[in-house]
Amino acid sequence: MKGLRREEVAQLAGVSAGYYTRLERGRIRGASDAVLESIARVLRMNDIERSHLFNLARGFVPASQRLEESPAEGVRPSVQRVLNNLSVPAIVYNPAHDIVAANEGGRALYYPHFDTADRPNIARFIFLDSRARSYYGDWGQARRMTAAMLRLYVGRDPLNQAITAVIEELSDRSALFRQDWARQEVYEHRSGHKTFLHPHLGPIAVTFDGFEMPG
């Protein structure tokens, strides 16, 4: 909660200031559900933020123990057929924000992301490609949402080297990513509205829905 000092949060949550400080610094493994619930209540976390807190507590692994993981190269043929049969633009991206599949409409809508020699990656495009500023109708919001989604995904899967590699690269190369990352926000991309300023098609306003696919 904004305006509360660390000691006040600890007192309201029923833990010592020293214990809360350790939790705040990431030494969260082993914290009881009751303590986590108290902290979530005091800080007035929403469902996504609360879930992120519990993911950190249950899945935190030191950096030295991270495992190498290769990002998925694509999707099953059956999934691609479903995409191709959709009458609306659709893309599939993994937690590291690599676009691993798309239908014709999706490739057209996200054209600038595919206009690269490397694998198309939404996060890299938003933070590292100068075209992103004029492609997204609200580039600032797109940036903040992307940083918040990466924080959510790495909290769910801290061993995923593909996610951590993107976060580390953006942290090294983008001051704006460091700024947005420091907000410590988490966001789940489910539904909403976006505006694209497409270089060939002009302004495009879309309503989107997102869902997770089993691996």
N, C-alpha and C. Protein backbone atom coordinates (compact mmCIF):
# COMPACT_ATOMS: atom_id res chain seq x y z
N MET A 1 0.85 -1.19 0.00
CA MET A 1 0.00 0.00 0.00
C MET A 1 0.88 1.24 0.00
N LYS A 2 0.59 2.18 -0.86
CA LYS A 2 1.39 3.38 -0.94
C LYS A 2 1.26 4.17 0.36
N GLY A 3 2.37 4.71 0.83
CA GLY A 3 2.36 5.54 2.02
C GLY A 3 2.76 4.81 3.28
N LEU A 4 2.75 3.47 3.26
CA LEU A 4 3.14 2.70 4.43
C LEU A 4 4.64 2.43 4.40
N ARG A 5 5.26 2.60 5.54
CA ARG A 5 6.67 2.25 5.66
C ARG A 5 6.80 0.75 5.85
N ARG A 6 8.01 0.25 5.63
CA ARG A 6 8.26 -1.18 5.75
C ARG A 6 7.86 -1.70 7.13
N GLU A 7 8.21 -0.94 8.16
CA GLU A 7 7.90 -1.37 9.53
C GLU A 7 6.39 -1.44 9.76
N GLU A 8 5.65 -0.52 9.14
CA GLU A 8 4.20 -0.50 9.30
C GLU A 8 3.56 -1.69 8.59
N VAL A 9 4.07 -2.02 7.41
CA VAL A 9 3.56 -3.20 6.70
C VAL A 9 3.80 -4.45 7.53
N ALA A 10 5.01 -4.57 8.08
CA ALA A 10 5.35 -5.74 8.89
C ALA A 10 4.43 -5.85 10.09
N GLN A 11 4.19 -4.73 10.76
CA GLN A 11 3.33 -4.74 11.94
C GLN A 11 1.90 -5.16 11.59
N LEU A 12 1.37 -4.60 10.52
CA LEU A 12 0.01 -4.94 10.11
C LEU A 12 -0.11 -6.39 9.65
N ALA A 13 0.99 -6.94 9.10
CA ALA A 13 0.98 -8.33 8.63
C ALA A 13 1.29 -9.32 9.74
N GLY A 14 1.69 -8.80 10.91
CA GLY A 14 1.96 -9.67 12.04
C GLY A 14 3.30 -10.37 12.00
N VAL A 15 4.30 -9.74 11.35
CA VAL A 15 5.65 -10.31 11.31
C VAL A 15 6.63 -9.23 11.75
N SER A 16 7.85 -9.67 12.06
CA SER A 16 8.86 -8.70 12.47
C SER A 16 9.35 -7.90 11.27
N ALA A 17 9.88 -6.71 11.54
CA ALA A 17 10.40 -5.88 10.46
C ALA A 17 11.57 -6.57 9.76
N GLY A 18 12.40 -7.26 10.54
CA GLY A 18 13.53 -7.97 9.95
C GLY A 18 13.09 -9.09 9.02
N TYR A 19 12.05 -9.83 9.44
CA TYR A 19 11.54 -10.93 8.62
C TYR A 19 10.93 -10.38 7.33
N TYR A 20 10.17 -9.30 7.45
CA TYR A 20 9.55 -8.71 6.27
C TYR A 20 10.61 -8.17 5.31
N THR A 21 11.67 -7.60 5.87
CA THR A 21 12.76 -7.09 5.02
C THR A 21 13.39 -8.21 4.22
N ARG A 22 13.57 -9.37 4.86
CA ARG A 22 14.15 -10.52 4.15
C ARG A 22 13.21 -10.97 3.02
N LEU A 23 11.91 -10.97 3.30
CA LEU A 23 10.95 -11.34 2.26
C LEU A 23 11.00 -10.34 1.11
N GLU A 24 11.10 -9.07 1.44
CA GLU A 24 11.11 -8.02 0.43
C GLU A 24 12.34 -8.13 -0.46
N ARG A 25 13.42 -8.65 0.08
CA ARG A 25 14.67 -8.78 -0.67
C ARG A 25 14.77 -10.11 -1.42
N GLY A 26 13.68 -10.87 -1.41
CA GLY A 26 13.65 -12.09 -2.20
C GLY A 26 13.93 -13.35 -1.43
N ARG A 27 14.21 -13.24 -0.15
CA ARG A 27 14.45 -14.44 0.67
C ARG A 27 13.10 -14.93 1.18
N ILE A 28 12.31 -15.41 0.23
CA ILE A 28 10.90 -15.65 0.50
C ILE A 28 10.57 -17.14 0.62
N ARG A 29 11.51 -17.98 0.24
CA ARG A 29 11.25 -19.41 0.24
C ARG A 29 10.98 -19.90 1.66
N GLY A 30 9.92 -20.68 1.81
CA GLY A 30 9.58 -21.23 3.11
C GLY A 30 8.57 -20.40 3.88
N ALA A 31 8.21 -19.23 3.37
CA ALA A 31 7.20 -18.42 4.05
C ALA A 31 5.86 -19.15 4.04
N SER A 32 5.16 -19.10 5.16
CA SER A 32 3.89 -19.82 5.26
C SER A 32 2.80 -19.12 4.46
N ASP A 33 1.77 -19.90 4.12
CA ASP A 33 0.64 -19.32 3.39
C ASP A 33 -0.02 -18.22 4.21
N ALA A 34 -0.07 -18.41 5.54
CA ALA A 34 -0.71 -17.42 6.40
C ALA A 34 0.02 -16.09 6.34
N VAL A 35 1.35 -16.14 6.36
CA VAL A 35 2.14 -14.91 6.28
C VAL A 35 1.93 -14.23 4.93
N LEU A 36 1.97 -15.03 3.87
CA LEU A 36 1.79 -14.47 2.53
C LEU A 36 0.40 -13.86 2.37
N GLU A 37 -0.61 -14.52 2.92
CA GLU A 37 -1.97 -13.98 2.85
C GLU A 37 -2.06 -12.66 3.60
N SER A 38 -1.39 -12.57 4.75
CA SER A 38 -1.41 -11.33 5.53
C SER A 38 -0.76 -10.19 4.77
N ILE A 39 0.38 -10.49 4.14
CA ILE A 39 1.08 -9.45 3.37
C ILE A 39 0.23 -9.01 2.19
N ALA A 40 -0.37 -9.98 1.50
CA ALA A 40 -1.22 -9.65 0.35
C ALA A 40 -2.40 -8.78 0.78
N ARG A 41 -2.95 -9.08 1.94
CA ARG A 41 -4.10 -8.30 2.44
C ARG A 41 -3.66 -6.88 2.80
N VAL A 42 -2.55 -6.75 3.51
CA VAL A 42 -2.08 -5.42 3.92
C VAL A 42 -1.75 -4.56 2.71
N LEU A 43 -1.13 -5.16 1.70
CA LEU A 43 -0.73 -4.41 0.51
C LEU A 43 -1.85 -4.29 -0.51
N ARG A 44 -3.02 -4.86 -0.18
CA ARG A 44 -4.20 -4.79 -1.05
C ARG A 44 -3.89 -5.28 -2.46
N MET A 45 -3.24 -6.44 -2.52
CA MET A 45 -2.89 -7.02 -3.82
C MET A 45 -4.13 -7.54 -4.53
N ASN A 46 -4.13 -7.40 -5.85
CA ASN A 46 -5.20 -8.02 -6.62
C ASN A 46 -4.88 -9.50 -6.82
N ASP A 47 -5.76 -10.22 -7.51
CA ASP A 47 -5.58 -11.67 -7.65
C ASP A 47 -4.28 -12.02 -8.38
N ILE A 48 -3.94 -11.25 -9.41
CA ILE A 48 -2.73 -11.54 -10.17
C ILE A 48 -1.49 -11.29 -9.32
N GLU A 49 -1.48 -10.18 -8.57
CA GLU A 49 -0.34 -9.86 -7.70
C GLU A 49 -0.20 -10.89 -6.59
N ARG A 50 -1.34 -11.32 -6.02
CA ARG A 50 -1.30 -12.33 -4.97
C ARG A 50 -0.74 -13.64 -5.52
N SER A 51 -1.21 -14.05 -6.70
CA SER A 51 -0.71 -15.28 -7.32
C SER A 51 0.79 -15.19 -7.57
N HIS A 52 1.24 -14.02 -8.00
CA HIS A 52 2.67 -13.82 -8.26
C HIS A 52 3.46 -13.97 -6.97
N LEU A 53 2.97 -13.41 -5.87
CA LEU A 53 3.64 -13.53 -4.58
C LEU A 53 3.79 -14.99 -4.18
N PHE A 54 2.72 -15.77 -4.33
CA PHE A 54 2.78 -17.18 -3.96
C PHE A 54 3.69 -17.97 -4.90
N ASN A 55 3.71 -17.61 -6.18
CA ASN A 55 4.62 -18.27 -7.11
C ASN A 55 6.07 -18.05 -6.70
N LEU A 56 6.38 -16.83 -6.30
CA LEU A 56 7.75 -16.53 -5.86
C LEU A 56 8.10 -17.35 -4.63
N ALA A 57 7.16 -17.48 -3.71
CA ALA A 57 7.43 -18.21 -2.47
C ALA A 57 7.61 -19.70 -2.72
N ARG A 58 6.87 -20.25 -3.67
CA ARG A 58 6.90 -21.70 -3.89
C ARG A 58 7.91 -22.13 -4.94
N GLY A 59 8.31 -21.20 -5.79
CA GLY A 59 9.18 -21.60 -6.89
C GLY A 59 10.49 -20.90 -6.97
N PHE A 60 10.83 -20.06 -5.99
CA PHE A 60 12.07 -19.29 -6.06
C PHE A 60 13.28 -20.22 -6.08
N VAL A 61 14.18 -19.99 -7.02
CA VAL A 61 15.42 -20.76 -7.14
C VAL A 61 16.56 -19.78 -7.39
N PRO A 62 17.67 -19.88 -6.64
CA PRO A 62 18.78 -18.97 -6.86
C PRO A 62 19.28 -19.02 -8.30
N ALA A 63 19.84 -17.91 -8.76
CA ALA A 63 20.31 -17.82 -10.15
C ALA A 63 21.33 -18.90 -10.48
N SER A 64 22.13 -19.29 -9.48
CA SER A 64 23.18 -20.29 -9.72
C SER A 64 22.61 -21.66 -10.05
N GLN A 65 21.32 -21.87 -9.77
CA GLN A 65 20.71 -23.18 -10.01
C GLN A 65 19.81 -23.20 -11.24
N ARG A 66 19.80 -22.12 -12.01
CA ARG A 66 18.95 -22.08 -13.19
C ARG A 66 19.38 -23.13 -14.21
N LEU A 67 18.41 -23.69 -14.89
CA LEU A 67 18.68 -24.70 -15.91
C LEU A 67 18.58 -24.07 -17.28
N GLU A 68 19.38 -24.57 -18.21
CA GLU A 68 19.28 -24.12 -19.59
C GLU A 68 18.00 -24.68 -20.20
N GLU A 69 17.30 -23.87 -20.92
CA GLU A 69 16.07 -24.33 -21.56
C GLU A 69 15.96 -23.69 -22.92
N SER A 70 15.74 -24.51 -23.93
CA SER A 70 15.60 -23.99 -25.29
C SER A 70 14.16 -23.59 -25.52
N PRO A 71 13.92 -22.40 -26.06
CA PRO A 71 12.55 -21.99 -26.33
C PRO A 71 11.93 -22.84 -27.41
N ALA A 72 10.61 -22.98 -27.34
CA ALA A 72 9.90 -23.78 -28.35
C ALA A 72 10.10 -23.18 -29.73
N GLU A 73 10.32 -24.05 -30.72
CA GLU A 73 10.56 -23.58 -32.08
C GLU A 73 9.27 -23.31 -32.84
N GLY A 74 8.16 -23.85 -32.37
CA GLY A 74 6.91 -23.65 -33.08
C GLY A 74 5.77 -24.33 -32.34
N VAL A 75 4.71 -24.64 -33.05
CA VAL A 75 3.56 -25.29 -32.45
C VAL A 75 3.24 -26.56 -33.22
N ARG A 76 2.40 -27.39 -32.64
CA ARG A 76 1.99 -28.61 -33.32
C ARG A 76 1.24 -28.27 -34.61
N PRO A 77 1.34 -29.12 -35.63
CA PRO A 77 0.62 -28.86 -36.89
C PRO A 77 -0.87 -28.64 -36.68
N SER A 78 -1.46 -29.36 -35.72
CA SER A 78 -2.90 -29.20 -35.48
C SER A 78 -3.22 -27.79 -34.98
N VAL A 79 -2.31 -27.23 -34.17
CA VAL A 79 -2.53 -25.87 -33.68
C VAL A 79 -2.41 -24.87 -34.83
N GLN A 80 -1.42 -25.09 -35.70
CA GLN A 80 -1.26 -24.19 -36.84
C GLN A 80 -2.49 -24.24 -37.75
N ARG A 81 -3.08 -25.42 -37.89
CA ARG A 81 -4.29 -25.53 -38.72
C ARG A 81 -5.44 -24.73 -38.11
N VAL A 82 -5.55 -24.78 -36.78
CA VAL A 82 -6.58 -23.99 -36.11
C VAL A 82 -6.36 -22.50 -36.37
N LEU A 83 -5.11 -22.06 -36.24
CA LEU A 83 -4.79 -20.65 -36.51
C LEU A 83 -5.17 -20.27 -37.94
N ASN A 84 -4.82 -21.13 -38.87
CA ASN A 84 -5.08 -20.83 -40.28
C ASN A 84 -6.57 -20.74 -40.60
N ASN A 85 -7.38 -21.45 -39.81
CA ASN A 85 -8.82 -21.44 -40.07
C ASN A 85 -9.55 -20.29 -39.38
N LEU A 86 -8.84 -19.54 -38.55
CA LEU A 86 -9.46 -18.40 -37.89
C LEU A 86 -9.64 -17.25 -38.87
N SER A 87 -10.73 -16.53 -38.73
CA SER A 87 -11.00 -15.40 -39.63
C SER A 87 -10.45 -14.09 -39.08
N VAL A 88 -9.79 -14.15 -37.93
CA VAL A 88 -9.22 -12.95 -37.32
C VAL A 88 -7.71 -13.15 -37.16
N PRO A 89 -6.94 -12.07 -37.07
CA PRO A 89 -5.50 -12.20 -36.85
C PRO A 89 -5.22 -12.92 -35.54
N ALA A 90 -4.24 -13.82 -35.55
CA ALA A 90 -3.89 -14.56 -34.34
C ALA A 90 -2.40 -14.87 -34.35
N ILE A 91 -1.79 -14.75 -33.18
CA ILE A 91 -0.40 -15.14 -33.00
C ILE A 91 -0.29 -16.00 -31.75
N VAL A 92 0.77 -16.78 -31.68
CA VAL A 92 1.09 -17.55 -30.48
C VAL A 92 2.49 -17.13 -30.06
N TYR A 93 2.63 -16.74 -28.80
CA TYR A 93 3.97 -16.40 -28.30
C TYR A 93 4.21 -17.10 -26.97
N ASN A 94 5.47 -17.40 -26.71
CA ASN A 94 5.82 -18.11 -25.49
C ASN A 94 6.10 -17.11 -24.35
N PRO A 95 6.35 -17.60 -23.13
CA PRO A 95 6.57 -16.67 -22.01
C PRO A 95 7.73 -15.71 -22.21
N ALA A 96 8.69 -16.07 -23.06
CA ALA A 96 9.80 -15.16 -23.36
C ALA A 96 9.41 -14.13 -24.41
N HIS A 97 8.18 -14.19 -24.89
CA HIS A 97 7.62 -13.27 -25.88
C HIS A 97 8.13 -13.53 -27.30
N ASP A 98 8.70 -14.71 -27.56
CA ASP A 98 9.00 -15.11 -28.94
C ASP A 98 7.69 -15.45 -29.63
N ILE A 99 7.46 -14.92 -30.82
CA ILE A 99 6.29 -15.32 -31.60
C ILE A 99 6.63 -16.64 -32.28
N VAL A 100 5.95 -17.70 -31.90
CA VAL A 100 6.28 -19.04 -32.40
C VAL A 100 5.31 -19.52 -33.47
N ALA A 101 4.21 -18.82 -33.67
CA ALA A 101 3.26 -19.19 -34.72
C ALA A 101 2.32 -18.01 -34.98
N ALA A 102 1.76 -17.99 -36.17
CA ALA A 102 0.80 -16.94 -36.54
C ALA A 102 0.03 -17.39 -37.77
N ASN A 103 -1.15 -16.83 -37.93
CA ASN A 103 -1.85 -17.04 -39.20
C ASN A 103 -1.54 -15.85 -40.12
N GLU A 104 -2.12 -15.87 -41.30
CA GLU A 104 -1.81 -14.82 -42.28
C GLU A 104 -2.17 -13.43 -41.75
N GLY A 105 -3.33 -13.34 -41.09
CA GLY A 105 -3.74 -12.06 -40.52
C GLY A 105 -2.83 -11.60 -39.41
N GLY A 106 -2.37 -12.55 -38.59
CA GLY A 106 -1.45 -12.21 -37.51
C GLY A 106 -0.13 -11.69 -38.02
N ARG A 107 0.38 -12.32 -39.07
CA ARG A 107 1.65 -11.87 -39.65
C ARG A 107 1.49 -10.48 -40.28
N ALA A 108 0.32 -10.22 -40.86
CA ALA A 108 0.08 -8.91 -41.46
C ALA A 108 -0.03 -7.83 -40.39
N LEU A 109 -0.77 -8.13 -39.32
CA LEU A 109 -0.96 -7.15 -38.25
C LEU A 109 0.35 -6.85 -37.53
N TYR A 110 1.12 -7.91 -37.28
CA TYR A 110 2.39 -7.74 -36.55
C TYR A 110 3.58 -7.69 -37.51
N TYR A 111 3.33 -7.20 -38.70
CA TYR A 111 4.34 -7.17 -39.75
C TYR A 111 5.71 -6.67 -39.28
N PRO A 112 5.81 -5.53 -38.58
CA PRO A 112 7.15 -5.04 -38.20
C PRO A 112 7.92 -6.02 -37.33
N HIS A 113 7.21 -6.81 -36.51
CA HIS A 113 7.89 -7.78 -35.65
C HIS A 113 8.57 -8.87 -36.47
N PHE A 114 7.98 -9.20 -37.61
CA PHE A 114 8.54 -10.25 -38.46
C PHE A 114 9.60 -9.72 -39.42
N ASP A 115 9.70 -8.41 -39.53
CA ASP A 115 10.66 -7.79 -40.44
C ASP A 115 12.03 -7.71 -39.77
N THR A 116 12.59 -8.88 -39.47
CA THR A 116 13.87 -8.97 -38.77
C THR A 116 14.56 -10.26 -39.16
N ALA A 117 15.88 -10.26 -39.06
CA ALA A 117 16.64 -11.47 -39.37
C ALA A 117 16.56 -12.47 -38.22
N ASP A 118 16.19 -11.99 -37.04
CA ASP A 118 16.11 -12.85 -35.87
C ASP A 118 14.68 -13.35 -35.68
N ARG A 119 14.52 -14.26 -34.73
CA ARG A 119 13.19 -14.72 -34.38
C ARG A 119 12.37 -13.53 -33.88
N PRO A 120 11.13 -13.36 -34.36
CA PRO A 120 10.32 -12.24 -33.88
C PRO A 120 10.04 -12.35 -32.39
N ASN A 121 10.29 -11.28 -31.67
CA ASN A 121 10.10 -11.27 -30.23
C ASN A 121 9.43 -9.94 -29.86
N ILE A 122 8.27 -10.03 -29.25
CA ILE A 122 7.48 -8.83 -28.96
C ILE A 122 8.22 -7.91 -28.00
N ALA A 123 8.81 -8.46 -26.95
CA ALA A 123 9.48 -7.63 -25.95
C ALA A 123 10.68 -6.91 -26.54
N ARG A 124 11.48 -7.63 -27.31
CA ARG A 124 12.64 -6.98 -27.93
C ARG A 124 12.19 -5.88 -28.89
N PHE A 125 11.14 -6.14 -29.66
CA PHE A 125 10.66 -5.13 -30.60
C PHE A 125 10.22 -3.88 -29.85
N ILE A 126 9.46 -4.05 -28.80
CA ILE A 126 8.91 -2.91 -28.07
C ILE A 126 10.00 -2.05 -27.45
N PHE A 127 11.03 -2.68 -26.88
CA PHE A 127 12.04 -1.92 -26.15
C PHE A 127 13.27 -1.57 -26.97
N LEU A 128 13.58 -2.35 -28.01
CA LEU A 128 14.85 -2.16 -28.71
C LEU A 128 14.71 -1.67 -30.15
N ASP A 129 13.52 -1.72 -30.71
CA ASP A 129 13.32 -1.31 -32.11
C ASP A 129 12.66 0.07 -32.13
N SER A 130 13.29 1.03 -32.76
CA SER A 130 12.77 2.40 -32.78
C SER A 130 11.41 2.49 -33.45
N ARG A 131 11.06 1.53 -34.29
CA ARG A 131 9.76 1.56 -34.97
C ARG A 131 8.60 1.35 -34.02
N ALA A 132 8.88 0.76 -32.85
CA ALA A 132 7.80 0.46 -31.91
C ALA A 132 7.09 1.72 -31.43
N ARG A 133 7.83 2.82 -31.32
CA ARG A 133 7.24 4.07 -30.83
C ARG A 133 6.10 4.54 -31.72
N SER A 134 6.24 4.35 -33.01
CA SER A 134 5.22 4.81 -33.95
C SER A 134 4.27 3.69 -34.38
N TYR A 135 4.50 2.46 -33.91
CA TYR A 135 3.64 1.34 -34.29
C TYR A 135 2.52 1.14 -33.28
N TYR A 136 2.85 1.28 -31.99
CA TYR A 136 1.85 1.10 -30.94
C TYR A 136 1.16 2.42 -30.66
N GLY A 137 -0.18 2.41 -30.65
CA GLY A 137 -0.92 3.63 -30.38
C GLY A 137 -0.58 4.22 -29.03
N ASP A 138 -0.36 3.35 -28.03
CA ASP A 138 0.07 3.79 -26.70
C ASP A 138 1.32 3.00 -26.35
N TRP A 139 2.44 3.47 -26.85
CA TRP A 139 3.71 2.75 -26.68
C TRP A 139 4.10 2.64 -25.21
N GLY A 140 3.86 3.70 -24.44
CA GLY A 140 4.20 3.66 -23.02
C GLY A 140 3.45 2.56 -22.30
N GLN A 141 2.17 2.42 -22.59
CA GLN A 141 1.39 1.36 -21.97
C GLN A 141 1.87 -0.01 -22.43
N ALA A 142 2.19 -0.14 -23.71
CA ALA A 142 2.69 -1.42 -24.23
C ALA A 142 3.98 -1.81 -23.52
N ARG A 143 4.84 -0.84 -23.29
CA ARG A 143 6.10 -1.11 -22.58
C ARG A 143 5.83 -1.61 -21.17
N ARG A 144 5.02 -0.87 -20.44
CA ARG A 144 4.77 -1.23 -19.04
C ARG A 144 4.10 -2.60 -18.92
N MET A 145 3.14 -2.87 -19.81
CA MET A 145 2.46 -4.16 -19.78
C MET A 145 3.43 -5.30 -20.09
N THR A 146 4.33 -5.08 -21.03
CA THR A 146 5.29 -6.12 -21.41
C THR A 146 6.24 -6.42 -20.26
N ALA A 147 6.76 -5.39 -19.61
CA ALA A 147 7.65 -5.61 -18.46
C ALA A 147 6.90 -6.34 -17.35
N ALA A 148 5.64 -5.96 -17.12
CA ALA A 148 4.85 -6.59 -16.07
C ALA A 148 4.54 -8.05 -16.40
N MET A 149 4.32 -8.36 -17.67
CA MET A 149 4.07 -9.76 -18.06
C MET A 149 5.33 -10.60 -17.89
N LEU A 150 6.49 -10.06 -18.26
CA LEU A 150 7.73 -10.80 -18.08
C LEU A 150 7.97 -11.08 -16.60
N ARG A 151 7.67 -10.12 -15.73
CA ARG A 151 7.83 -10.35 -14.29
C ARG A 151 6.90 -11.46 -13.83
N LEU A 152 5.67 -11.46 -14.33
CA LEU A 152 4.72 -12.51 -13.96
C LEU A 152 5.21 -13.87 -14.42
N TYR A 153 5.68 -13.97 -15.67
CA TYR A 153 6.10 -15.25 -16.23
C TYR A 153 7.35 -15.80 -15.54
N VAL A 154 8.30 -14.93 -15.23
CA VAL A 154 9.51 -15.43 -14.57
C VAL A 154 9.21 -15.84 -13.13
N GLY A 155 8.20 -15.23 -12.53
CA GLY A 155 7.79 -15.67 -11.20
C GLY A 155 7.16 -17.05 -11.23
N ARG A 156 6.45 -17.35 -12.32
CA ARG A 156 5.84 -18.68 -12.46
C ARG A 156 6.87 -19.75 -12.80
N ASP A 157 7.91 -19.36 -13.53
CA ASP A 157 8.87 -20.34 -14.03
C ASP A 157 10.29 -19.78 -13.95
N PRO A 158 10.84 -19.65 -12.73
CA PRO A 158 12.15 -19.01 -12.56
C PRO A 158 13.30 -19.81 -13.17
N LEU A 159 13.08 -21.07 -13.53
CA LEU A 159 14.14 -21.87 -14.15
C LEU A 159 14.19 -21.70 -15.66
N ASN A 160 13.25 -20.97 -16.23
CA ASN A 160 13.16 -20.83 -17.68
C ASN A 160 14.23 -19.87 -18.17
N GLN A 161 15.29 -20.42 -18.76
CA GLN A 161 16.41 -19.60 -19.20
C GLN A 161 16.04 -18.66 -20.34
N ALA A 162 15.06 -19.05 -21.15
CA ALA A 162 14.65 -18.18 -22.25
C ALA A 162 14.07 -16.88 -21.73
N ILE A 163 13.26 -16.95 -20.67
CA ILE A 163 12.68 -15.74 -20.09
C ILE A 163 13.76 -14.89 -19.45
N THR A 164 14.61 -15.53 -18.63
CA THR A 164 15.63 -14.75 -17.93
C THR A 164 16.62 -14.12 -18.91
N ALA A 165 16.86 -14.79 -20.04
CA ALA A 165 17.79 -14.23 -21.03
C ALA A 165 17.22 -12.94 -21.63
N VAL A 166 15.92 -12.93 -21.92
CA VAL A 166 15.29 -11.73 -22.46
C VAL A 166 15.32 -10.60 -21.43
N ILE A 167 14.98 -10.92 -20.19
CA ILE A 167 14.98 -9.91 -19.13
C ILE A 167 16.37 -9.33 -18.94
N GLU A 168 17.39 -10.19 -18.93
CA GLU A 168 18.75 -9.71 -18.75
C GLU A 168 19.21 -8.85 -19.93
N GLU A 169 18.85 -9.26 -21.15
CA GLU A 169 19.22 -8.48 -22.32
C GLU A 169 18.57 -7.10 -22.30
N LEU A 170 17.28 -7.06 -22.00
CA LEU A 170 16.58 -5.78 -21.97
C LEU A 170 17.08 -4.90 -20.83
N SER A 171 17.39 -5.51 -19.71
CA SER A 171 17.93 -4.74 -18.59
C SER A 171 19.26 -4.11 -18.95
N ASP A 172 20.04 -4.81 -19.75
CA ASP A 172 21.35 -4.31 -20.15
C ASP A 172 21.26 -3.24 -21.23
N ARG A 173 20.28 -3.37 -22.13
CA ARG A 173 20.26 -2.52 -23.32
C ARG A 173 19.23 -1.40 -23.29
N SER A 174 18.27 -1.45 -22.38
CA SER A 174 17.19 -0.46 -22.41
C SER A 174 16.99 0.20 -21.05
N ALA A 175 17.25 1.50 -20.99
CA ALA A 175 17.00 2.25 -19.76
C ALA A 175 15.50 2.29 -19.45
N LEU A 176 14.67 2.33 -20.49
CA LEU A 176 13.23 2.36 -20.27
C LEU A 176 12.73 1.03 -19.71
N PHE A 177 13.34 -0.07 -20.14
CA PHE A 177 12.96 -1.36 -19.54
C PHE A 177 13.33 -1.37 -18.07
N ARG A 178 14.52 -0.89 -17.74
CA ARG A 178 14.93 -0.85 -16.33
C ARG A 178 13.95 0.00 -15.53
N GLN A 179 13.50 1.08 -16.11
CA GLN A 179 12.53 1.96 -15.44
C GLN A 179 11.20 1.24 -15.24
N ASP A 180 10.71 0.58 -16.28
CA ASP A 180 9.43 -0.12 -16.18
C ASP A 180 9.53 -1.34 -15.27
N TRP A 181 10.66 -2.03 -15.32
CA TRP A 181 10.87 -3.20 -14.47
C TRP A 181 10.88 -2.80 -13.00
N ALA A 182 11.43 -1.63 -12.70
CA ALA A 182 11.52 -1.16 -11.32
C ALA A 182 10.14 -0.88 -10.71
N ARG A 183 9.12 -0.78 -11.53
CA ARG A 183 7.76 -0.60 -11.02
C ARG A 183 7.28 -1.82 -10.25
N GLN A 184 7.87 -2.99 -10.55
CA GLN A 184 7.53 -4.25 -9.89
C GLN A 184 6.05 -4.59 -10.06
N GLU A 185 5.52 -4.27 -11.22
CA GLU A 185 4.12 -4.60 -11.51
C GLU A 185 4.04 -5.97 -12.17
N VAL A 186 2.91 -6.63 -12.02
CA VAL A 186 2.64 -7.88 -12.74
C VAL A 186 1.32 -7.72 -13.48
N TYR A 187 1.25 -8.35 -14.64
CA TYR A 187 0.07 -8.18 -15.49
C TYR A 187 -0.17 -9.47 -16.26
N GLU A 188 -1.44 -9.85 -16.38
CA GLU A 188 -1.81 -11.03 -17.16
C GLU A 188 -2.61 -10.57 -18.38
N HIS A 189 -2.15 -10.98 -19.55
CA HIS A 189 -2.70 -10.50 -20.82
C HIS A 189 -3.90 -11.35 -21.19
N ARG A 190 -5.10 -10.93 -20.83
CA ARG A 190 -6.29 -11.74 -21.06
C ARG A 190 -7.22 -11.16 -22.12
N SER A 191 -7.61 -9.92 -21.96
CA SER A 191 -8.51 -9.29 -22.93
C SER A 191 -8.38 -7.78 -22.82
N GLY A 192 -8.78 -7.09 -23.87
CA GLY A 192 -8.70 -5.64 -23.84
C GLY A 192 -8.74 -5.05 -25.24
N HIS A 193 -8.21 -3.84 -25.34
CA HIS A 193 -8.21 -3.12 -26.61
C HIS A 193 -6.80 -2.61 -26.92
N LYS A 194 -6.45 -2.61 -28.18
CA LYS A 194 -5.16 -2.09 -28.63
C LYS A 194 -5.37 -1.26 -29.89
N THR A 195 -4.47 -0.33 -30.09
CA THR A 195 -4.45 0.42 -31.34
C THR A 195 -3.06 0.31 -31.95
N PHE A 196 -3.01 -0.09 -33.21
CA PHE A 196 -1.75 -0.18 -33.94
C PHE A 196 -1.73 0.89 -35.03
N LEU A 197 -0.61 1.51 -35.23
CA LEU A 197 -0.43 2.47 -36.32
C LEU A 197 0.40 1.77 -37.39
N HIS A 198 -0.28 0.93 -38.15
CA HIS A 198 0.39 0.03 -39.09
C HIS A 198 1.04 0.83 -40.22
N PRO A 199 2.29 0.50 -40.57
CA PRO A 199 2.99 1.28 -41.61
C PRO A 199 2.35 1.19 -42.99
N HIS A 200 1.57 0.13 -43.25
CA HIS A 200 0.95 -0.03 -44.56
C HIS A 200 -0.57 0.11 -44.53
N LEU A 201 -1.18 -0.26 -43.41
CA LEU A 201 -2.64 -0.29 -43.32
C LEU A 201 -3.21 0.90 -42.56
N GLY A 202 -2.36 1.70 -41.93
CA GLY A 202 -2.84 2.84 -41.17
C GLY A 202 -3.30 2.44 -39.78
N PRO A 203 -4.04 3.31 -39.07
CA PRO A 203 -4.50 3.01 -37.71
C PRO A 203 -5.46 1.82 -37.69
N ILE A 204 -5.21 0.91 -36.75
CA ILE A 204 -6.07 -0.27 -36.60
C ILE A 204 -6.39 -0.43 -35.13
N ALA A 205 -7.67 -0.36 -34.78
CA ALA A 205 -8.12 -0.59 -33.41
C ALA A 205 -8.67 -2.01 -33.31
N VAL A 206 -8.18 -2.76 -32.34
CA VAL A 206 -8.61 -4.16 -32.21
C VAL A 206 -9.02 -4.45 -30.77
N THR A 207 -9.93 -5.39 -30.63
CA THR A 207 -10.26 -5.99 -29.35
C THR A 207 -9.61 -7.36 -29.32
N PHE A 208 -8.90 -7.68 -28.25
CA PHE A 208 -8.17 -8.95 -28.23
C PHE A 208 -8.60 -9.81 -27.05
N ASP A 209 -8.41 -11.10 -27.22
CA ASP A 209 -8.58 -12.09 -26.15
C ASP A 209 -7.37 -13.00 -26.20
N GLY A 210 -6.85 -13.32 -25.04
CA GLY A 210 -5.70 -14.22 -24.96
C GLY A 210 -6.00 -15.40 -24.06
N PHE A 211 -5.38 -16.52 -24.35
CA PHE A 211 -5.53 -17.70 -23.50
C PHE A 211 -4.27 -18.53 -23.59
N GLU A 212 -4.05 -19.32 -22.54
CA GLU A 212 -2.86 -20.16 -22.49
C GLU A 212 -3.10 -21.46 -23.24
N MET A 213 -2.04 -21.93 -23.89
CA MET A 213 -2.10 -23.22 -24.57
C MET A 213 -1.26 -24.22 -23.81
N PRO A 214 -1.71 -25.46 -23.67
CA PRO A 214 -0.88 -26.48 -23.02
C PRO A 214 0.38 -26.72 -23.83
N GLY A 215 1.47 -27.04 -23.13
CA GLY A 215 2.74 -27.23 -23.83
C GLY A 215 2.75 -28.45 -24.71
